[in-house]
C-alpha cells in the first residue's frame, strides 16, 4: 500500500514537473522546479522498484503449489504447511496424536507421502478409530512413519530410480519396511508391504525440510 501511495505522489510530482518549464521563463525559482522534477524522477524509480517487488512476489506465489486450497511455501517446514491444507486434516490430527510434530518439523530432509482425507476415508471406520486410541499409539506411529523416507526424493529422482531399476524402485521408509515405486503411464504408483496401491496425485510440494507428495490411498506396513 505504501508503494502505491508513493507511486501516486510521484505521478502528482511528474505533473508539477511538466508545468515547470513555462514557469521558469517568468519565475525566479527554477531551482524549486528542478527539485520537484528530481523528486518526480525519484518517485518514478521508487514506483519501478515497487512494481518489480510485486512481480517478484507474484513469481514466488506462482512457484508455490496449492494443496487443499492453501499455498505451500518452500520456506516453511512440513508441519507448518500441512496444517493449512483442508485435504490433510486427518493426517495432521494423527501426526499430533503420535507425537511426530517435532520430528517432521526437524531439519530432515524428509520425503513424505501424504494421504488425503479421502484416502483415510477408504479405510474401515473402525481402523481409523482404533489407531487413535492411546493404547495403539505404537501402531499409529508405525503406519505414519511408513509414509516417510529419509532424504529429499523429488519426482524426478524417483522416476530416475524407477528407470535405473528396470521399472521398479524400492524405497526404505523411516519405519523400516519397503515401498515399491513404479510408473503407470505418467503417474508414480506406490505398492505397500501388503500389496496395496497408491498413486501420487500432487508431486514435488517442496518444504524447507524436504518434499511432500500427495497420495490417494493410505500405505500399510505388515
Protein backbone atom coordinates (compact mmCIF):
# COMPACT_ATOMS: atom_id res chain seq x y z
CA UNK A 1 0.00 0.00 0.00
CA UNK A 2 2.84 2.43 0.84
CA UNK A 3 4.43 1.73 -2.54
CA UNK A 4 1.18 2.63 -4.27
CA UNK A 5 0.90 5.87 -2.29
CA UNK A 6 4.49 6.73 -3.23
CA UNK A 7 3.68 5.98 -6.86
CA UNK A 8 0.63 8.28 -6.71
CA UNK A 9 2.74 11.00 -5.13
CA UNK A 10 5.32 10.52 -7.85
CA UNK A 11 2.66 10.88 -10.56
CA UNK A 12 1.48 14.14 -8.99
CA UNK A 13 5.09 15.32 -8.83
CA UNK A 14 5.54 14.49 -12.51
CA UNK A 15 2.53 16.70 -13.27
CA UNK A 16 4.16 19.53 -11.38
CA UNK A 17 7.42 18.92 -13.21
CA UNK A 18 5.77 19.20 -16.64
CA UNK A 19 4.43 22.65 -15.83
CA UNK A 20 7.76 23.87 -14.51
CA UNK A 21 9.47 24.95 -17.78
CA UNK A 22 6.73 27.52 -18.53
CA UNK A 23 7.10 28.99 -15.06
CA UNK A 24 10.88 29.01 -15.36
CA UNK A 25 10.76 31.69 -18.03
CA UNK A 26 8.96 34.19 -15.80
CA UNK A 27 9.72 32.96 -12.32
CA UNK A 28 12.96 33.38 -10.36
CA UNK A 29 12.59 29.94 -8.69
CA UNK A 30 13.72 27.40 -11.35
CA UNK A 31 15.70 25.54 -8.67
CA UNK A 32 12.50 24.65 -6.84
CA UNK A 33 11.01 23.41 -10.09
CA UNK A 34 14.10 21.26 -10.74
CA UNK A 35 13.84 19.87 -7.26
CA UNK A 36 10.21 18.88 -7.90
CA UNK A 37 11.24 17.26 -11.17
CA UNK A 38 14.01 15.41 -9.32
CA UNK A 39 11.50 14.21 -6.74
CA UNK A 40 9.26 13.03 -9.55
CA UNK A 41 12.11 11.06 -11.10
CA UNK A 42 12.93 9.60 -7.70
CA UNK A 43 9.25 8.76 -7.27
CA UNK A 44 9.20 7.03 -10.65
CA UNK A 45 12.24 5.00 -9.63
CA UNK A 46 10.53 4.02 -6.38
CA UNK A 47 7.38 3.13 -8.33
CA UNK A 48 9.51 0.96 -10.61
CA UNK A 49 11.09 -0.76 -7.62
CA UNK A 50 7.64 -1.35 -6.14
CA UNK A 51 6.39 -2.85 -9.40
CA UNK A 52 9.50 -5.05 -9.57
CA UNK A 53 8.88 -6.13 -5.98
CA UNK A 54 5.26 -7.00 -6.78
CA UNK A 55 6.40 -9.01 -9.80
CA UNK A 56 8.91 -10.93 -7.69
CA UNK A 57 6.20 -11.60 -5.12
CA UNK A 58 3.93 -12.85 -7.89
CA UNK A 59 6.66 -15.16 -9.18
CA UNK A 60 7.19 -16.56 -5.69
CA UNK A 61 3.46 -17.22 -5.29
CA UNK A 62 3.33 -18.90 -8.70
CA UNK A 63 6.01 -21.36 -7.63
CA UNK A 64 4.08 -22.42 -4.52
CA UNK A 65 1.66 -25.22 -5.41
CA UNK A 66 -1.80 -25.13 -3.91
CA UNK A 67 -2.70 -28.12 -1.74
CA UNK A 68 -6.05 -28.37 -0.02
CA UNK A 69 -6.89 -24.81 -1.00
CA UNK A 70 -3.75 -23.34 0.56
CA UNK A 71 -0.39 -22.29 -0.89
CA UNK A 72 2.55 -24.39 0.22
CA UNK A 73 5.63 -22.32 0.98
CA UNK A 74 9.11 -23.70 0.36
CA UNK A 75 10.45 -21.67 3.30
CA UNK A 76 8.13 -23.43 5.75
CA UNK A 77 8.54 -26.93 7.12
CA UNK A 78 6.35 -29.99 6.53
CA UNK A 79 4.12 -29.45 9.55
CA UNK A 80 3.75 -25.69 9.03
CA UNK A 81 2.46 -26.28 5.52
CA UNK A 82 0.39 -29.40 6.18
CA UNK A 83 -1.71 -27.72 8.88
CA UNK A 84 -3.03 -25.30 6.25
CA UNK A 85 -4.29 -27.96 3.85
CA UNK A 86 -8.00 -28.69 4.27
CA UNK A 87 -7.38 -32.01 2.49
CA UNK A 88 -4.99 -33.22 5.20
CA UNK A 89 -6.79 -32.51 8.46
CA UNK A 90 -6.96 -36.22 9.33
CA UNK A 91 -3.26 -36.72 8.67
CA UNK A 92 -2.30 -33.68 10.73
CA UNK A 93 -4.52 -34.82 13.60
CA UNK A 94 -2.91 -38.26 13.60
CA UNK A 95 0.60 -36.83 13.39
CA UNK A 96 -0.16 -34.79 16.51
CA UNK A 97 -1.59 -37.82 18.32
CA UNK A 98 1.52 -39.84 17.51
CA UNK A 99 3.80 -37.08 18.80
CA UNK A 100 5.55 -36.75 15.44
CA UNK A 101 5.26 -32.97 15.09
CA UNK A 102 8.79 -32.30 16.49
CA UNK A 103 10.27 -34.93 14.15
CA UNK A 104 8.57 -33.64 11.00
CA UNK A 105 9.40 -30.07 11.99
CA UNK A 106 13.07 -31.00 12.28
CA UNK A 107 15.93 -30.43 9.91
CA UNK A 108 15.37 -33.53 7.78
CA UNK A 109 15.33 -33.74 4.89
CA UNK A 110 12.28 -35.99 4.68
CA UNK A 111 10.14 -37.20 1.82
CA UNK A 112 6.54 -37.55 2.98
CA UNK A 113 3.85 -39.40 1.04
CA UNK A 114 0.82 -37.59 2.43
CA UNK A 115 -2.58 -39.32 2.26
CA UNK A 116 -5.59 -37.04 1.88
CA UNK A 117 -8.73 -37.13 4.00
CA UNK A 118 -10.36 -39.12 1.19
CA UNK A 119 -7.53 -41.65 1.40
CA UNK A 120 -8.22 -42.20 5.11
CA UNK A 121 -11.94 -42.41 4.36
CA UNK A 122 -11.22 -45.54 2.26
CA UNK A 123 -10.14 -47.34 5.43
CA UNK A 124 -12.74 -49.03 7.65
CA UNK A 125 -14.02 -46.50 10.18
CA UNK A 126 -13.14 -48.93 12.96
CA UNK A 127 -9.49 -48.94 11.85
CA UNK A 128 -9.20 -45.15 11.95
CA UNK A 129 -10.93 -45.06 15.34
CA UNK A 130 -8.69 -47.81 16.72
CA UNK A 131 -5.38 -46.15 15.85
CA UNK A 132 -6.47 -43.00 17.67
CA UNK A 133 -6.67 -44.80 20.99
CA UNK A 134 -3.72 -44.19 23.35
CA UNK A 135 -3.15 -47.94 23.64
CA UNK A 136 -2.47 -48.09 19.88
CA UNK A 137 -0.02 -45.21 19.68
CA UNK A 138 2.80 -47.54 18.55
CA UNK A 139 0.64 -48.88 15.72
CA UNK A 140 -0.27 -45.35 14.66
CA UNK A 141 3.39 -44.32 14.70
CA UNK A 142 4.26 -47.40 12.67
CA UNK A 143 1.70 -46.52 9.98
CA UNK A 144 2.63 -42.84 9.80
CA UNK A 145 6.40 -43.38 9.67
CA UNK A 146 5.80 -45.90 6.89
CA UNK A 147 4.85 -42.83 4.80
CA UNK A 148 8.20 -41.13 5.43
CA UNK A 149 11.51 -41.72 3.65
CA UNK A 150 14.73 -40.12 4.84
CA UNK A 151 16.12 -37.83 2.15
CA UNK A 152 14.79 -35.40 -0.42
CA UNK A 153 13.26 -37.57 -3.15
CA UNK A 154 11.71 -35.37 -5.80
CA UNK A 155 9.54 -36.90 -8.52
CA UNK A 156 12.47 -36.66 -10.94
CA UNK A 157 14.70 -38.66 -8.58
CA UNK A 158 12.04 -41.31 -8.03
CA UNK A 159 11.38 -41.66 -11.76
CA UNK A 160 15.13 -41.88 -12.43
CA UNK A 161 15.42 -44.63 -9.80
CA UNK A 162 12.49 -46.50 -11.37
CA UNK A 163 14.14 -46.40 -14.78
CA UNK A 164 17.53 -47.40 -13.35
CA UNK A 165 15.86 -50.32 -11.57
CA UNK A 166 14.34 -51.69 -14.75
CA UNK A 167 10.85 -50.42 -13.98
CA UNK A 168 10.84 -50.51 -10.19
CA UNK A 169 12.48 -48.63 -7.33
CA UNK A 170 12.49 -49.80 -3.73
CA UNK A 171 12.33 -47.12 -1.05
CA UNK A 172 13.16 -47.85 2.58
CA UNK A 173 10.88 -45.96 4.93
CA UNK A 174 11.73 -44.46 8.31
CA UNK A 175 9.56 -47.22 9.81
CA UNK A 176 11.96 -49.76 8.30
CA UNK A 177 9.83 -51.56 5.74
CA UNK A 178 9.88 -51.05 1.99
CA UNK A 179 7.76 -49.25 -0.58
CA UNK A 180 7.92 -50.14 -4.26
CA UNK A 181 7.61 -47.34 -6.80
CA UNK A 182 6.64 -47.90 -10.42
CA UNK A 183 5.37 -45.84 -13.32
CA UNK A 184 1.87 -46.33 -14.63
CA UNK A 185 1.72 -44.08 -17.64
CA UNK A 186 2.89 -40.73 -16.31
CA UNK A 187 1.84 -41.43 -12.71
CA UNK A 188 4.02 -42.76 -9.92
CA UNK A 189 2.40 -45.79 -8.29
CA UNK A 190 3.41 -46.95 -4.83
CA UNK A 191 2.87 -50.52 -3.63
CA UNK A 192 2.95 -51.11 0.11
CA UNK A 193 4.02 -54.17 2.14
CA UNK A 194 0.52 -55.63 1.96
CA UNK A 195 0.19 -55.22 -1.80
CA UNK A 196 -1.99 -52.12 -1.60
CA UNK A 197 -1.55 -49.50 -4.31
CA UNK A 198 -1.49 -45.73 -4.07
CA UNK A 199 -0.89 -43.02 -6.66
CA UNK A 200 0.88 -39.70 -6.36
CA UNK A 201 -1.70 -37.03 -7.22
CA UNK A 202 0.39 -33.91 -6.47
CA UNK A 203 4.17 -34.21 -6.69
CA UNK A 204 7.06 -32.06 -5.53
CA UNK A 205 5.45 -29.92 -2.86
CA UNK A 206 8.75 -28.56 -1.64
CA UNK A 207 9.37 -27.76 2.02
CA UNK A 208 12.23 -26.21 3.94
CA UNK A 209 13.00 -29.67 5.35
CA UNK A 210 12.15 -31.92 2.43
CA UNK A 211 9.34 -32.62 0.00
CA UNK A 212 5.73 -33.81 0.14
CA UNK A 213 3.99 -35.98 -2.46
CA UNK A 214 0.21 -36.11 -2.02
CA UNK A 215 -1.21 -39.65 -2.40
CA UNK A 216 -4.73 -41.03 -2.79
CA UNK A 217 -4.52 -44.15 -0.58
CA UNK A 218 -3.07 -44.88 2.86
CA UNK A 219 0.02 -47.10 2.73
CA UNK A 220 0.07 -50.03 5.14
CA UNK A 221 3.09 -51.86 6.60
CA UNK A 222 2.90 -55.55 7.52
